[in-house]
Amino acid sequence: MSTTVRKPVHHAVYDTYADWETGHATAFLARGGHEIRTVGPADEAVRSIGGLRVLPDLALDALRPEDSSLLILPGADLWDTSDDLAPFARKAREFLDAGVPVAAICGATAGLAREGLLDDRAHTGAVSFYLAATGYAGGGRYEDADAVTDGILVTAGPTEPVAFAREILRLLGVYEGEVLDAWYRLFHDSDAEAYAVLEKAGAQ
């Protein structure tokens, strides 16, 4: 009898990464049975914008799309102040070209825009003019929404970590239908009635 081995989810970490943007996603992916592995620019520790020190599980050069089920790219000051994170955008291209999902939030969407990955895909971000400042050609595909999924690409702005997580959980099949809706209502809207739905489904 053969069993399917679930590939890890890879979460990019780099100096100044926005630690509040991906916590809902990683916590409930892990609860759903997904291993979370961190990927840094190199093997050295990095610090989040909140001062958390993270020692990556692997360096970016060692990451291969075929070994992953998803690449998560959080925002960071460095997306807008240097080209240091451009290799992560190039890695996102490798993932998308290989048919492996990518999820980007906040400044990471600008990184994808600069890489040309949003020119032909529906997407969102902080605000339309933030992405327009990158000079990208995808302005016509921008959507004023909390989070957007186009095929295997998820994007969201910095104020929507719960919606970002919702799209990721849907994409990887962790929750669906009324359970996913209840999860979102509980964590985004503080809807106490939603908890009963999650409890009944064993998803709280």
Protein backbone atom coordinates (compact mmCIF):
# COMPACT_ATOMS: atom_id res chain seq x y z
CA MET A 1 0.00 0.00 0.00
CA SER A 2 1.49 3.34 -1.07
CA THR A 3 1.10 6.58 0.85
CA THR A 4 1.43 10.12 -0.43
CA VAL A 5 4.07 12.16 1.35
CA ARG A 6 2.98 15.77 1.83
CA LYS A 7 5.72 18.20 0.84
CA PRO A 8 6.66 21.01 3.24
CA VAL A 9 5.45 24.58 3.00
CA HIS A 10 8.41 26.95 2.73
CA HIS A 11 8.24 30.32 4.48
CA ALA A 12 10.81 32.92 3.43
CA VAL A 13 12.54 34.81 6.23
CA TYR A 14 14.87 37.78 5.84
CA ASP A 15 15.87 40.83 7.84
CA THR A 16 12.90 43.16 8.52
CA TYR A 17 10.30 40.59 7.46
CA ALA A 18 6.84 41.47 8.77
CA ASP A 19 6.23 38.77 11.36
CA TRP A 20 2.51 39.58 11.85
CA GLU A 21 1.55 38.93 8.24
CA THR A 22 1.88 35.16 8.02
CA GLY A 23 1.15 33.83 11.51
CA HIS A 24 -2.45 32.81 10.85
CA ALA A 25 -1.40 30.97 7.71
CA THR A 26 1.51 29.06 9.22
CA ALA A 27 -0.31 28.18 12.44
CA PHE A 28 -3.29 26.62 10.71
CA LEU A 29 -1.24 25.01 7.96
CA ALA A 30 0.75 23.31 10.71
CA ARG A 31 -2.46 22.30 12.51
CA GLY A 32 -3.62 20.87 9.21
CA GLY A 33 -0.57 18.62 8.97
CA HIS A 34 1.77 20.72 6.84
CA GLU A 35 5.40 20.96 7.88
CA ILE A 36 6.65 24.57 7.83
CA ARG A 37 10.27 25.13 6.88
CA THR A 38 11.96 28.53 6.86
CA VAL A 39 14.13 29.70 3.98
CA GLY A 40 16.66 32.51 4.36
CA PRO A 41 19.06 34.30 2.03
CA ALA A 42 21.82 32.14 3.53
CA ASP A 43 22.34 29.93 6.57
CA GLU A 44 22.75 32.88 8.97
CA ALA A 45 20.06 34.05 11.37
CA VAL A 46 17.79 36.94 10.40
CA ARG A 47 15.66 39.32 12.47
CA SER A 48 12.04 40.16 11.82
CA ILE A 49 10.73 43.70 11.99
CA GLY A 50 9.50 42.80 15.49
CA GLY A 51 12.98 41.72 16.58
CA LEU A 52 12.44 37.96 16.42
CA ARG A 53 15.63 36.06 15.61
CA VAL A 54 15.12 33.19 13.17
CA LEU A 55 17.72 30.67 12.04
CA PRO A 56 16.53 29.42 8.63
CA ASP A 57 16.10 25.73 8.00
CA LEU A 58 17.76 26.13 4.61
CA ALA A 59 19.26 28.73 2.32
CA LEU A 60 17.39 29.98 -0.73
CA ASP A 61 19.87 28.43 -3.17
CA ALA A 62 19.02 24.99 -1.77
CA LEU A 63 15.26 25.37 -2.28
CA ARG A 64 13.75 23.49 -5.23
CA PRO A 65 10.12 23.82 -6.30
CA GLU A 66 9.75 20.06 -6.64
CA ASP A 67 10.47 19.71 -2.91
CA SER A 68 7.75 22.13 -1.83
CA SER A 69 3.98 22.53 -1.76
CA LEU A 70 4.02 26.33 -1.36
CA LEU A 71 6.37 29.31 -1.05
CA ILE A 72 5.21 32.09 1.30
CA LEU A 73 6.79 35.52 0.88
CA PRO A 74 6.09 38.03 3.67
CA GLY A 75 6.56 41.77 3.39
CA ALA A 76 9.73 43.46 4.59
CA ASP A 77 11.30 46.91 4.52
CA LEU A 78 14.02 45.45 2.30
CA TRP A 79 11.58 44.89 -0.56
CA ASP A 80 11.44 48.67 -1.02
CA THR A 81 14.86 49.84 0.12
CA SER A 82 17.24 47.56 -1.79
CA ASP A 83 17.53 44.76 -4.32
CA ASP A 84 18.57 42.28 -1.61
CA LEU A 85 15.34 40.30 -1.87
CA ALA A 86 15.19 40.10 -5.67
CA PRO A 87 16.47 36.49 -5.53
CA PHE A 88 13.28 35.54 -3.65
CA ALA A 89 11.18 37.00 -6.47
CA ARG A 90 13.23 35.04 -8.97
CA LYS A 91 12.65 31.91 -6.89
CA ALA A 92 8.92 32.67 -7.01
CA ARG A 93 9.17 32.64 -10.80
CA GLU A 94 10.79 29.19 -10.63
CA PHE A 95 7.94 27.98 -8.44
CA LEU A 96 5.19 29.34 -10.67
CA ASP A 97 6.88 28.03 -13.81
CA ALA A 98 7.02 24.60 -12.15
CA GLY A 99 3.34 24.74 -11.19
CA VAL A 100 4.01 25.13 -7.46
CA PRO A 101 1.97 27.77 -5.57
CA VAL A 102 3.33 31.07 -4.29
CA ALA A 103 1.71 33.38 -1.73
CA ALA A 104 2.96 36.97 -1.38
CA ILE A 105 1.79 39.71 0.96
CA CYS A 106 2.60 43.41 1.40
CA GLY A 107 6.03 44.39 0.04
CA ALA A 108 6.55 40.96 -1.47
CA THR A 109 3.87 41.81 -4.03
CA ALA A 110 6.07 44.69 -5.20
CA GLY A 111 8.93 42.24 -5.55
CA LEU A 112 6.77 40.03 -7.75
CA ALA A 113 5.68 43.07 -9.74
CA ARG A 114 9.29 44.03 -10.44
CA GLU A 115 9.94 40.46 -11.57
CA GLY A 116 7.04 40.72 -14.05
CA LEU A 117 5.00 38.05 -12.31
CA LEU A 118 1.90 40.23 -11.87
CA ASP A 119 1.72 41.57 -15.42
CA ASP A 120 -0.68 38.86 -16.57
CA ARG A 121 -2.22 37.65 -13.29
CA ALA A 122 -5.05 39.04 -11.19
CA HIS A 123 -3.59 40.37 -7.96
CA THR A 124 -3.84 42.85 -5.12
CA GLY A 125 -1.48 44.56 -2.71
CA ALA A 126 -1.31 47.46 -0.29
CA VAL A 127 -2.79 49.96 -2.80
CA SER A 128 -2.72 50.19 -6.58
CA PHE A 129 -0.32 53.16 -6.71
CA TYR A 130 2.19 51.31 -4.51
CA LEU A 131 2.52 48.62 -7.16
CA ALA A 132 2.31 51.16 -9.99
CA ALA A 133 5.48 52.78 -8.60
CA THR A 134 7.40 49.63 -9.53
CA GLY A 135 6.81 50.41 -13.21
CA TYR A 136 5.16 47.06 -13.83
CA ALA A 137 2.73 46.42 -16.67
CA GLY A 138 0.00 44.72 -14.62
CA GLY A 139 -2.01 47.67 -13.39
CA GLY A 140 -5.02 46.55 -15.36
CA ARG A 141 -5.10 43.27 -13.43
CA TYR A 142 -5.05 44.92 -10.01
CA GLU A 143 -8.11 44.17 -7.84
CA ASP A 144 -9.20 46.24 -4.86
CA ALA A 145 -9.81 43.20 -2.62
CA ASP A 146 -8.63 41.82 0.71
CA ALA A 147 -6.78 38.96 -1.01
CA VAL A 148 -6.74 37.55 -4.52
CA THR A 149 -6.00 34.09 -5.86
CA ASP A 150 -5.24 33.65 -9.54
CA GLY A 151 -4.51 30.03 -10.27
CA ILE A 152 -1.62 29.15 -7.97
CA LEU A 153 -0.69 32.70 -6.95
CA VAL A 154 -2.08 34.37 -3.82
CA THR A 155 -1.56 38.07 -3.09
CA ALA A 156 -2.72 40.34 -0.27
CA GLY A 157 -2.00 43.70 1.34
CA PRO A 158 -0.37 44.23 4.75
CA THR A 159 -3.65 44.78 6.61
CA GLU A 160 -5.15 41.45 5.54
CA PRO A 161 -3.21 38.59 7.18
CA VAL A 162 -6.42 36.65 7.90
CA ALA A 163 -7.71 36.93 4.32
CA PHE A 164 -4.22 35.97 3.12
CA ALA A 165 -4.37 32.87 5.31
CA ARG A 166 -7.92 32.10 4.12
CA GLU A 167 -6.75 31.94 0.50
CA ILE A 168 -3.76 29.77 1.39
CA LEU A 169 -5.87 27.37 3.46
CA ARG A 170 -8.33 27.11 0.57
CA LEU A 171 -5.60 26.61 -2.02
CA LEU A 172 -3.97 23.75 -0.09
CA GLY A 173 -7.30 22.20 0.88
CA VAL A 174 -6.91 22.61 4.64
CA TYR A 175 -10.44 24.00 4.98
CA GLU A 176 -13.21 24.52 2.47
CA GLY A 177 -16.84 25.55 2.18
CA GLU A 178 -18.67 26.53 5.35
CA VAL A 179 -15.73 25.53 7.53
CA LEU A 180 -13.40 27.94 5.74
CA ASP A 181 -16.08 30.63 5.89
CA ALA A 182 -16.53 30.05 9.63
CA TRP A 183 -12.76 30.14 10.20
CA TYR A 184 -12.58 33.52 8.46
CA ARG A 185 -15.57 34.91 10.35
CA LEU A 186 -14.08 33.85 13.66
CA PHE A 187 -10.59 35.24 13.16
CA HIS A 188 -11.44 38.26 11.02
CA ASP A 189 -14.83 39.33 12.36
CA SER A 190 -14.71 37.88 15.90
CA ASP A 191 -17.99 36.11 15.14
CA ALA A 192 -18.51 33.85 18.15
CA GLU A 193 -21.16 31.82 16.35
CA ALA A 194 -18.54 30.67 13.86
CA TYR A 195 -16.73 28.75 16.59
CA ALA A 196 -19.55 26.22 16.83
CA VAL A 197 -19.13 25.40 13.13
CA LEU A 198 -15.41 24.84 13.58
CA GLU A 199 -15.92 22.78 16.74
CA LYS A 200 -18.44 20.55 15.00
CA ALA A 201 -16.01 20.03 12.13
CA GLY A 202 -13.07 19.44 14.48
CA ALA A 203 -11.28 22.41 12.95
CA GLN A 204 -10.94 24.80 15.89
